[in-house]
Amino acid sequence: MNSNSFDILIKDDDGTIAVIEVKNRKNLNIEDAKKIRRNIIAHQSLKSKYFVLVSQEYGYVWDNEKSHQLLDNPLISFSMQDIVSRYYRHMDTYENRLRGNELELIVTQWINDLVRAKESRNFTSEPELKLVEGGFIDTILGARVVSEVQG
C-alpha cells in the first residue's frame, strides 16, 4: 500500500462513503484520535462522508460533512472489545496486542459484514447499535469494501 492510500475504503457508485484507518496504538483515546485525524487531513485529501479510526480497544467515527474543525470530537465512539473477540475468539484482548495487519484483517471482515447486512435493525451488540444510531450503518449498507489487506 502506498503512503497516499488508506487502510480500508467503503465505496458506492457515487464515490467514497468512508475512509477507515487502523492504528493499533494501545489505549487510543479521543484526544489522540483527534490528533491522528487532524494529521491525516493536513497531509491527505479526505473526500468521504465518514472518517473512521480504530484501534484494538476503541473505534471513532467522524461525519466529515458535519465536522468542520480539525480537532472536532467524533460523532460516534465505541469499544472494539466485542468486535475483536467476535472475530478472533482465542484472544484475551486486555493482555495481548494484535499486530497491525491482524487487526486490519479483523476490521476488514467486520466492515464487510456490516455492508452486507440485510438491514440495520438486525444488530444487537453495542458497537453496531451506536453505528446504527449515528446513521453510519444505513449509509454503508450495500456498498463495497476496498482493502489491500493480505489474508
N, C-alpha and C. Protein backbone atom coordinates (compact mmCIF):
# COMPACT_ATOMS: atom_id res chain seq x y z
N MET A 1 0.85 -1.18 0.00
CA MET A 1 0.00 0.00 0.00
C MET A 1 0.89 1.23 0.00
N ASN A 2 0.59 2.18 -0.86
CA ASN A 2 1.44 3.36 -0.89
C ASN A 2 1.03 4.35 0.19
N SER A 3 1.85 5.35 0.39
CA SER A 3 1.64 6.27 1.50
C SER A 3 0.44 7.19 1.31
N ASN A 4 -0.10 7.28 0.07
CA ASN A 4 -1.24 8.14 -0.18
C ASN A 4 -2.56 7.40 -0.11
N SER A 5 -2.55 6.14 0.29
CA SER A 5 -3.79 5.38 0.36
C SER A 5 -4.18 5.15 1.82
N PHE A 6 -5.42 4.74 1.96
CA PHE A 6 -5.94 4.47 3.30
C PHE A 6 -6.07 2.97 3.48
N ASP A 7 -6.23 2.53 4.72
CA ASP A 7 -6.29 1.10 5.01
C ASP A 7 -7.50 0.44 4.37
N ILE A 8 -8.68 1.04 4.56
CA ILE A 8 -9.92 0.46 4.06
C ILE A 8 -10.81 1.60 3.57
N LEU A 9 -11.45 1.38 2.43
CA LEU A 9 -12.41 2.34 1.90
C LEU A 9 -13.76 1.65 1.74
N ILE A 10 -14.82 2.39 2.00
CA ILE A 10 -16.17 1.91 1.69
C ILE A 10 -16.67 2.82 0.58
N LYS A 11 -17.05 2.19 -0.56
CA LYS A 11 -17.42 2.96 -1.75
C LYS A 11 -18.79 2.53 -2.27
N ASP A 12 -19.41 3.46 -2.98
CA ASP A 12 -20.58 3.14 -3.77
C ASP A 12 -20.40 3.80 -5.13
N ASP A 13 -21.43 3.81 -5.95
CA ASP A 13 -21.31 4.36 -7.31
C ASP A 13 -21.02 5.86 -7.31
N ASP A 14 -21.37 6.55 -6.23
CA ASP A 14 -21.15 7.99 -6.15
C ASP A 14 -19.77 8.37 -5.63
N GLY A 15 -19.00 7.39 -5.15
CA GLY A 15 -17.66 7.70 -4.65
C GLY A 15 -17.38 7.02 -3.31
N THR A 16 -16.52 7.63 -2.52
CA THR A 16 -16.11 7.06 -1.25
C THR A 16 -17.04 7.51 -0.14
N ILE A 17 -17.63 6.55 0.56
CA ILE A 17 -18.52 6.83 1.68
C ILE A 17 -17.70 7.01 2.96
N ALA A 18 -16.73 6.11 3.17
CA ALA A 18 -15.95 6.15 4.41
C ALA A 18 -14.50 5.76 4.16
N VAL A 19 -13.63 6.44 4.87
CA VAL A 19 -12.21 6.12 4.93
C VAL A 19 -11.98 5.54 6.32
N ILE A 20 -11.34 4.37 6.37
CA ILE A 20 -11.09 3.71 7.65
C ILE A 20 -9.60 3.53 7.82
N GLU A 21 -9.10 4.04 8.92
CA GLU A 21 -7.69 3.88 9.27
C GLU A 21 -7.59 2.99 10.50
N VAL A 22 -6.69 2.04 10.46
CA VAL A 22 -6.43 1.14 11.58
C VAL A 22 -5.10 1.53 12.19
N LYS A 23 -5.14 1.99 13.42
CA LYS A 23 -3.93 2.38 14.16
C LYS A 23 -3.97 1.67 15.50
N ASN A 24 -3.19 0.64 15.65
CA ASN A 24 -3.29 -0.14 16.87
C ASN A 24 -2.41 0.40 17.99
N ARG A 25 -2.57 1.67 18.25
CA ARG A 25 -1.90 2.30 19.38
C ARG A 25 -2.63 1.89 20.65
N LYS A 26 -1.91 1.45 21.66
CA LYS A 26 -2.55 0.98 22.90
C LYS A 26 -3.33 2.11 23.56
N ASN A 27 -4.57 1.79 23.95
CA ASN A 27 -5.46 2.72 24.64
C ASN A 27 -5.61 4.05 23.91
N LEU A 28 -5.87 3.98 22.64
CA LEU A 28 -6.08 5.17 21.81
C LEU A 28 -7.28 5.95 22.34
N ASN A 29 -7.03 7.12 22.92
CA ASN A 29 -8.12 7.91 23.49
C ASN A 29 -8.62 8.94 22.48
N ILE A 30 -9.69 9.63 22.83
CA ILE A 30 -10.30 10.59 21.91
C ILE A 30 -9.33 11.70 21.52
N GLU A 31 -8.58 12.21 22.48
CA GLU A 31 -7.64 13.30 22.17
C GLU A 31 -6.57 12.86 21.17
N ASP A 32 -6.03 11.67 21.38
CA ASP A 32 -5.05 11.14 20.42
C ASP A 32 -5.70 10.89 19.06
N ALA A 33 -6.91 10.35 19.07
CA ALA A 33 -7.63 10.08 17.83
C ALA A 33 -7.87 11.37 17.05
N LYS A 34 -8.24 12.43 17.74
CA LYS A 34 -8.47 13.72 17.07
C LYS A 34 -7.19 14.24 16.43
N LYS A 35 -6.06 14.04 17.10
CA LYS A 35 -4.78 14.49 16.55
C LYS A 35 -4.37 13.66 15.33
N ILE A 36 -4.62 12.35 15.38
CA ILE A 36 -4.32 11.50 14.23
C ILE A 36 -5.17 11.94 13.04
N ARG A 37 -6.46 12.17 13.28
CA ARG A 37 -7.35 12.63 12.20
C ARG A 37 -6.86 13.97 11.64
N ARG A 38 -6.50 14.88 12.52
CA ARG A 38 -6.01 16.20 12.08
C ARG A 38 -4.79 16.03 11.18
N ASN A 39 -3.84 15.18 11.59
CA ASN A 39 -2.63 14.97 10.80
C ASN A 39 -2.92 14.34 9.44
N ILE A 40 -3.86 13.42 9.41
CA ILE A 40 -4.23 12.80 8.14
C ILE A 40 -4.86 13.84 7.22
N ILE A 41 -5.77 14.65 7.75
CA ILE A 41 -6.43 15.67 6.95
C ILE A 41 -5.41 16.69 6.44
N ALA A 42 -4.43 17.01 7.26
CA ALA A 42 -3.41 18.00 6.87
C ALA A 42 -2.54 17.50 5.72
N HIS A 43 -2.37 16.18 5.61
CA HIS A 43 -1.46 15.62 4.61
C HIS A 43 -2.15 14.91 3.44
N GLN A 44 -3.42 14.60 3.60
CA GLN A 44 -4.13 13.87 2.55
C GLN A 44 -5.54 14.43 2.40
N SER A 45 -6.09 14.26 1.25
CA SER A 45 -7.45 14.71 0.98
C SER A 45 -8.44 13.66 1.47
N LEU A 46 -9.35 14.08 2.34
CA LEU A 46 -10.38 13.17 2.86
C LEU A 46 -11.69 13.48 2.14
N LYS A 47 -11.90 12.86 1.01
CA LYS A 47 -13.12 13.09 0.25
C LYS A 47 -14.09 11.95 0.51
N SER A 48 -14.66 11.96 1.69
CA SER A 48 -15.61 10.92 2.08
C SER A 48 -16.57 11.51 3.10
N LYS A 49 -17.73 10.89 3.22
CA LYS A 49 -18.69 11.35 4.22
C LYS A 49 -18.16 11.07 5.62
N TYR A 50 -17.58 9.88 5.82
CA TYR A 50 -17.12 9.48 7.14
C TYR A 50 -15.62 9.22 7.17
N PHE A 51 -15.03 9.48 8.34
CA PHE A 51 -13.67 9.05 8.63
C PHE A 51 -13.77 8.19 9.88
N VAL A 52 -13.21 6.99 9.81
CA VAL A 52 -13.27 6.04 10.92
C VAL A 52 -11.84 5.70 11.33
N LEU A 53 -11.58 5.76 12.62
CA LEU A 53 -10.26 5.41 13.17
C LEU A 53 -10.48 4.33 14.21
N VAL A 54 -9.79 3.20 14.05
CA VAL A 54 -9.95 2.11 15.01
C VAL A 54 -8.62 1.63 15.53
N SER A 55 -8.64 1.25 16.79
CA SER A 55 -7.53 0.56 17.43
C SER A 55 -8.11 -0.74 18.00
N GLN A 56 -7.30 -1.49 18.68
CA GLN A 56 -7.77 -2.74 19.27
C GLN A 56 -8.81 -2.49 20.35
N GLU A 57 -8.71 -1.35 21.02
CA GLU A 57 -9.64 -1.06 22.13
C GLU A 57 -10.82 -0.18 21.75
N TYR A 58 -10.61 0.79 20.85
CA TYR A 58 -11.64 1.79 20.58
C TYR A 58 -11.80 2.07 19.10
N GLY A 59 -13.00 2.53 18.76
CA GLY A 59 -13.28 3.00 17.41
C GLY A 59 -13.93 4.37 17.48
N TYR A 60 -13.63 5.21 16.50
CA TYR A 60 -14.14 6.58 16.45
C TYR A 60 -14.61 6.87 15.03
N VAL A 61 -15.76 7.54 14.92
CA VAL A 61 -16.32 7.88 13.61
C VAL A 61 -16.62 9.37 13.58
N TRP A 62 -16.13 10.04 12.54
CA TRP A 62 -16.46 11.45 12.30
C TRP A 62 -17.31 11.54 11.05
N ASP A 63 -18.30 12.41 11.06
CA ASP A 63 -19.06 12.74 9.86
C ASP A 63 -18.38 13.97 9.28
N ASN A 64 -17.64 13.80 8.19
CA ASN A 64 -16.86 14.89 7.62
C ASN A 64 -17.72 16.03 7.10
N GLU A 65 -18.98 15.75 6.80
CA GLU A 65 -19.88 16.81 6.32
C GLU A 65 -20.35 17.70 7.46
N LYS A 66 -20.29 17.19 8.69
CA LYS A 66 -20.73 17.95 9.86
C LYS A 66 -19.58 18.42 10.73
N SER A 67 -18.42 17.79 10.58
CA SER A 67 -17.26 18.10 11.41
C SER A 67 -16.30 18.97 10.59
N HIS A 68 -16.35 20.26 10.83
CA HIS A 68 -15.57 21.19 10.02
C HIS A 68 -14.24 21.60 10.66
N GLN A 69 -14.10 21.38 11.95
CA GLN A 69 -12.86 21.73 12.63
C GLN A 69 -11.95 20.50 12.70
N LEU A 70 -10.66 20.72 12.57
CA LEU A 70 -9.72 19.60 12.56
C LEU A 70 -9.72 18.81 13.85
N LEU A 71 -10.01 19.46 14.96
CA LEU A 71 -9.98 18.77 16.25
C LEU A 71 -11.37 18.56 16.85
N ASP A 72 -12.40 18.46 15.99
CA ASP A 72 -13.75 18.16 16.47
C ASP A 72 -13.78 16.78 17.11
N ASN A 73 -14.68 16.62 18.08
CA ASN A 73 -14.90 15.31 18.67
C ASN A 73 -15.58 14.40 17.65
N PRO A 74 -15.37 13.10 17.77
CA PRO A 74 -16.04 12.19 16.85
C PRO A 74 -17.55 12.18 17.08
N LEU A 75 -18.29 11.85 16.04
CA LEU A 75 -19.73 11.69 16.12
C LEU A 75 -20.08 10.46 16.97
N ILE A 76 -19.30 9.40 16.80
CA ILE A 76 -19.55 8.13 17.48
C ILE A 76 -18.23 7.60 18.03
N SER A 77 -18.26 7.08 19.24
CA SER A 77 -17.11 6.35 19.77
C SER A 77 -17.64 5.06 20.40
N PHE A 78 -16.84 4.00 20.30
CA PHE A 78 -17.31 2.70 20.77
C PHE A 78 -16.13 1.81 21.13
N SER A 79 -16.40 0.81 21.96
CA SER A 79 -15.40 -0.17 22.33
C SER A 79 -15.25 -1.18 21.20
N MET A 80 -14.03 -1.57 20.91
CA MET A 80 -13.75 -2.59 19.90
C MET A 80 -13.64 -3.99 20.52
N GLN A 81 -13.74 -4.08 21.85
CA GLN A 81 -13.55 -5.37 22.53
C GLN A 81 -14.45 -6.47 21.99
N ASP A 82 -15.74 -6.19 21.84
CA ASP A 82 -16.67 -7.19 21.36
C ASP A 82 -16.34 -7.61 19.93
N ILE A 83 -15.98 -6.67 19.10
CA ILE A 83 -15.66 -6.95 17.70
C ILE A 83 -14.40 -7.81 17.59
N VAL A 84 -13.35 -7.41 18.31
CA VAL A 84 -12.09 -8.17 18.26
C VAL A 84 -12.32 -9.59 18.78
N SER A 85 -13.01 -9.73 19.90
CA SER A 85 -13.21 -11.08 20.45
C SER A 85 -14.17 -11.90 19.58
N ARG A 86 -15.10 -11.26 18.88
CA ARG A 86 -16.03 -11.97 17.99
C ARG A 86 -15.29 -12.55 16.78
N TYR A 87 -14.32 -11.82 16.25
CA TYR A 87 -13.61 -12.27 15.05
C TYR A 87 -12.31 -13.01 15.36
N TYR A 88 -11.84 -12.89 16.58
CA TYR A 88 -10.61 -13.57 16.99
C TYR A 88 -10.87 -14.16 18.37
N ARG A 89 -11.57 -15.27 18.38
CA ARG A 89 -12.14 -15.85 19.61
C ARG A 89 -11.12 -16.28 20.66
N HIS A 90 -9.92 -16.59 20.27
CA HIS A 90 -8.94 -17.13 21.22
C HIS A 90 -8.06 -16.07 21.84
N MET A 91 -8.52 -14.84 21.79
CA MET A 91 -7.66 -13.77 22.26
C MET A 91 -8.20 -13.09 23.50
N ASP A 92 -7.34 -12.90 24.46
CA ASP A 92 -7.66 -12.07 25.61
C ASP A 92 -7.25 -10.65 25.21
N THR A 93 -8.22 -9.82 24.84
CA THR A 93 -7.90 -8.51 24.27
C THR A 93 -7.25 -7.56 25.26
N TYR A 94 -7.36 -7.84 26.54
CA TYR A 94 -6.72 -6.96 27.52
C TYR A 94 -5.23 -7.26 27.67
N GLU A 95 -4.85 -8.51 27.43
CA GLU A 95 -3.48 -8.93 27.68
C GLU A 95 -2.61 -8.97 26.42
N ASN A 96 -3.20 -9.23 25.28
CA ASN A 96 -2.42 -9.44 24.07
C ASN A 96 -2.65 -8.33 23.06
N ARG A 97 -1.59 -7.95 22.36
CA ARG A 97 -1.69 -6.95 21.29
C ARG A 97 -1.67 -7.66 19.95
N LEU A 98 -2.61 -7.31 19.14
CA LEU A 98 -2.59 -7.77 17.76
C LEU A 98 -1.56 -6.97 16.99
N ARG A 99 -0.97 -7.59 15.98
CA ARG A 99 -0.14 -6.83 15.07
C ARG A 99 -1.08 -6.01 14.18
N GLY A 100 -0.57 -4.94 13.59
CA GLY A 100 -1.40 -4.05 12.79
C GLY A 100 -2.16 -4.76 11.69
N ASN A 101 -1.47 -5.67 10.97
CA ASN A 101 -2.15 -6.37 9.88
C ASN A 101 -3.20 -7.34 10.39
N GLU A 102 -3.01 -7.90 11.59
CA GLU A 102 -4.02 -8.79 12.18
C GLU A 102 -5.29 -8.00 12.50
N LEU A 103 -5.12 -6.85 13.12
CA LEU A 103 -6.28 -6.01 13.43
C LEU A 103 -6.94 -5.52 12.15
N GLU A 104 -6.16 -5.19 11.16
CA GLU A 104 -6.71 -4.72 9.89
C GLU A 104 -7.56 -5.82 9.23
N LEU A 105 -7.13 -7.07 9.32
CA LEU A 105 -7.92 -8.18 8.80
C LEU A 105 -9.25 -8.30 9.53
N ILE A 106 -9.22 -8.18 10.84
CA ILE A 106 -10.45 -8.25 11.65
C ILE A 106 -11.39 -7.12 11.27
N VAL A 107 -10.87 -5.91 11.18
CA VAL A 107 -11.70 -4.75 10.86
C VAL A 107 -12.27 -4.89 9.45
N THR A 108 -11.48 -5.37 8.51
CA THR A 108 -11.95 -5.56 7.13
C THR A 108 -13.11 -6.56 7.10
N GLN A 109 -12.96 -7.66 7.81
CA GLN A 109 -14.03 -8.66 7.84
C GLN A 109 -15.29 -8.08 8.48
N TRP A 110 -15.13 -7.36 9.57
CA TRP A 110 -16.26 -6.74 10.27
C TRP A 110 -16.98 -5.76 9.35
N ILE A 111 -16.23 -4.89 8.69
CA ILE A 111 -16.83 -3.90 7.79
C ILE A 111 -17.54 -4.60 6.63
N ASN A 112 -16.93 -5.66 6.09
CA ASN A 112 -17.60 -6.43 5.04
C ASN A 112 -18.93 -7.00 5.53
N ASP A 113 -18.96 -7.49 6.75
CA ASP A 113 -20.20 -8.00 7.32
C ASP A 113 -21.23 -6.88 7.50
N LEU A 114 -20.79 -5.69 7.88
CA LEU A 114 -21.72 -4.57 8.05
C LEU A 114 -22.36 -4.16 6.73
N VAL A 115 -21.56 -4.04 5.67
CA VAL A 115 -22.12 -3.57 4.40
C VAL A 115 -23.02 -4.63 3.76
N ARG A 116 -22.83 -5.90 4.12
CA ARG A 116 -23.63 -6.98 3.55
C ARG A 116 -24.87 -7.30 4.39
N ALA A 117 -25.06 -6.63 5.49
CA ALA A 117 -26.22 -6.89 6.34
C ALA A 117 -27.50 -6.61 5.55
N LYS A 118 -28.54 -7.33 5.88
CA LYS A 118 -29.82 -7.13 5.19
C LYS A 118 -30.46 -5.80 5.58
N GLU A 119 -30.37 -5.49 6.86
CA GLU A 119 -30.90 -4.20 7.34
C GLU A 119 -30.29 -3.90 8.70
N SER A 120 -30.28 -2.64 9.06
CA SER A 120 -29.61 -2.22 10.29
C SER A 120 -30.34 -2.66 11.56
N ARG A 121 -31.61 -3.03 11.46
CA ARG A 121 -32.36 -3.45 12.66
C ARG A 121 -31.88 -4.77 13.21
N ASN A 122 -31.10 -5.52 12.46
CA ASN A 122 -30.66 -6.85 12.89
C ASN A 122 -29.51 -6.82 13.89
N PHE A 123 -28.93 -5.69 14.15
CA PHE A 123 -27.77 -5.61 15.03
C PHE A 123 -28.19 -5.54 16.49
N THR A 124 -27.43 -6.21 17.35
CA THR A 124 -27.76 -6.24 18.77
C THR A 124 -26.59 -5.86 19.67
N SER A 125 -25.37 -5.83 19.17
CA SER A 125 -24.23 -5.53 20.05
C SER A 125 -24.00 -4.01 20.10
N GLU A 126 -23.38 -3.57 21.18
CA GLU A 126 -23.21 -2.15 21.47
C GLU A 126 -22.50 -1.36 20.37
N PRO A 127 -21.40 -1.85 19.79
CA PRO A 127 -20.75 -1.05 18.75
C PRO A 127 -21.67 -0.81 17.55
N GLU A 128 -22.31 -1.87 17.08
CA GLU A 128 -23.19 -1.73 15.92
C GLU A 128 -24.41 -0.87 16.23
N LEU A 129 -24.96 -1.00 17.44
CA LEU A 129 -26.12 -0.17 17.81
C LEU A 129 -25.75 1.31 17.79
N LYS A 130 -24.55 1.64 18.26
CA LYS A 130 -24.10 3.03 18.21
C LYS A 130 -23.93 3.50 16.76
N LEU A 131 -23.42 2.62 15.91
CA LEU A 131 -23.24 2.96 14.50
C LEU A 131 -24.58 3.12 13.78
N VAL A 132 -25.57 2.33 14.18
CA VAL A 132 -26.92 2.48 13.63
C VAL A 132 -27.50 3.81 14.08
N GLU A 133 -27.39 4.09 15.37
CA GLU A 133 -27.93 5.33 15.92
C GLU A 133 -27.32 6.56 15.26
N GLY A 134 -26.04 6.51 14.95
CA GLY A 134 -25.36 7.63 14.31
C GLY A 134 -25.58 7.72 12.81
N GLY A 135 -26.29 6.75 12.23
CA GLY A 135 -26.59 6.77 10.80
C GLY A 135 -25.53 6.13 9.91
N PHE A 136 -24.45 5.68 10.51
CA PHE A 136 -23.34 5.13 9.72
C PHE A 136 -23.73 3.87 8.96
N ILE A 137 -24.35 2.92 9.65
CA ILE A 137 -24.63 1.63 9.01
C ILE A 137 -25.64 1.78 7.87
N ASP A 138 -26.70 2.55 8.07
CA ASP A 138 -27.67 2.73 6.98
C ASP A 138 -26.99 3.35 5.75
N THR A 139 -26.00 4.19 5.96
CA THR A 139 -25.30 4.84 4.85
C THR A 139 -24.43 3.85 4.07
N ILE A 140 -23.87 2.85 4.75
CA ILE A 140 -22.94 1.93 4.08
C ILE A 140 -23.58 0.63 3.58
N LEU A 141 -24.83 0.36 3.96
CA LEU A 141 -25.47 -0.88 3.53
C LEU A 141 -25.43 -1.02 2.02
N GLY A 142 -24.96 -2.17 1.55
CA GLY A 142 -24.91 -2.44 0.12
C GLY A 142 -23.70 -1.88 -0.60
N ALA A 143 -22.85 -1.16 0.09
CA ALA A 143 -21.65 -0.59 -0.53
C ALA A 143 -20.60 -1.68 -0.69
N ARG A 144 -19.47 -1.32 -1.27
CA ARG A 144 -18.37 -2.29 -1.40
C ARG A 144 -17.17 -1.82 -0.58
N VAL A 145 -16.41 -2.80 -0.14
CA VAL A 145 -15.24 -2.53 0.69
C VAL A 145 -13.99 -2.75 -0.15
N VAL A 146 -13.09 -1.77 -0.10
CA VAL A 146 -11.83 -1.83 -0.82
C VAL A 146 -10.72 -1.84 0.21
N SER A 147 -9.94 -2.91 0.19
CA SER A 147 -8.85 -3.05 1.15
C SER A 147 -7.68 -3.76 0.48
N GLU A 148 -6.48 -3.37 0.88
CA GLU A 148 -5.30 -4.05 0.36
C GLU A 148 -4.73 -5.03 1.38
N VAL A 149 -5.56 -5.39 2.36
CA VAL A 149 -5.13 -6.33 3.39
C VAL A 149 -4.90 -7.69 2.74
N GLN A 150 -3.78 -8.29 3.07
CA GLN A 150 -3.47 -9.62 2.57
C GLN A 150 -3.81 -10.65 3.63
N GLY A 151 -4.66 -11.58 3.30
CA GLY A 151 -5.11 -12.59 4.25
C GLY A 151 -4.21 -13.79 4.31
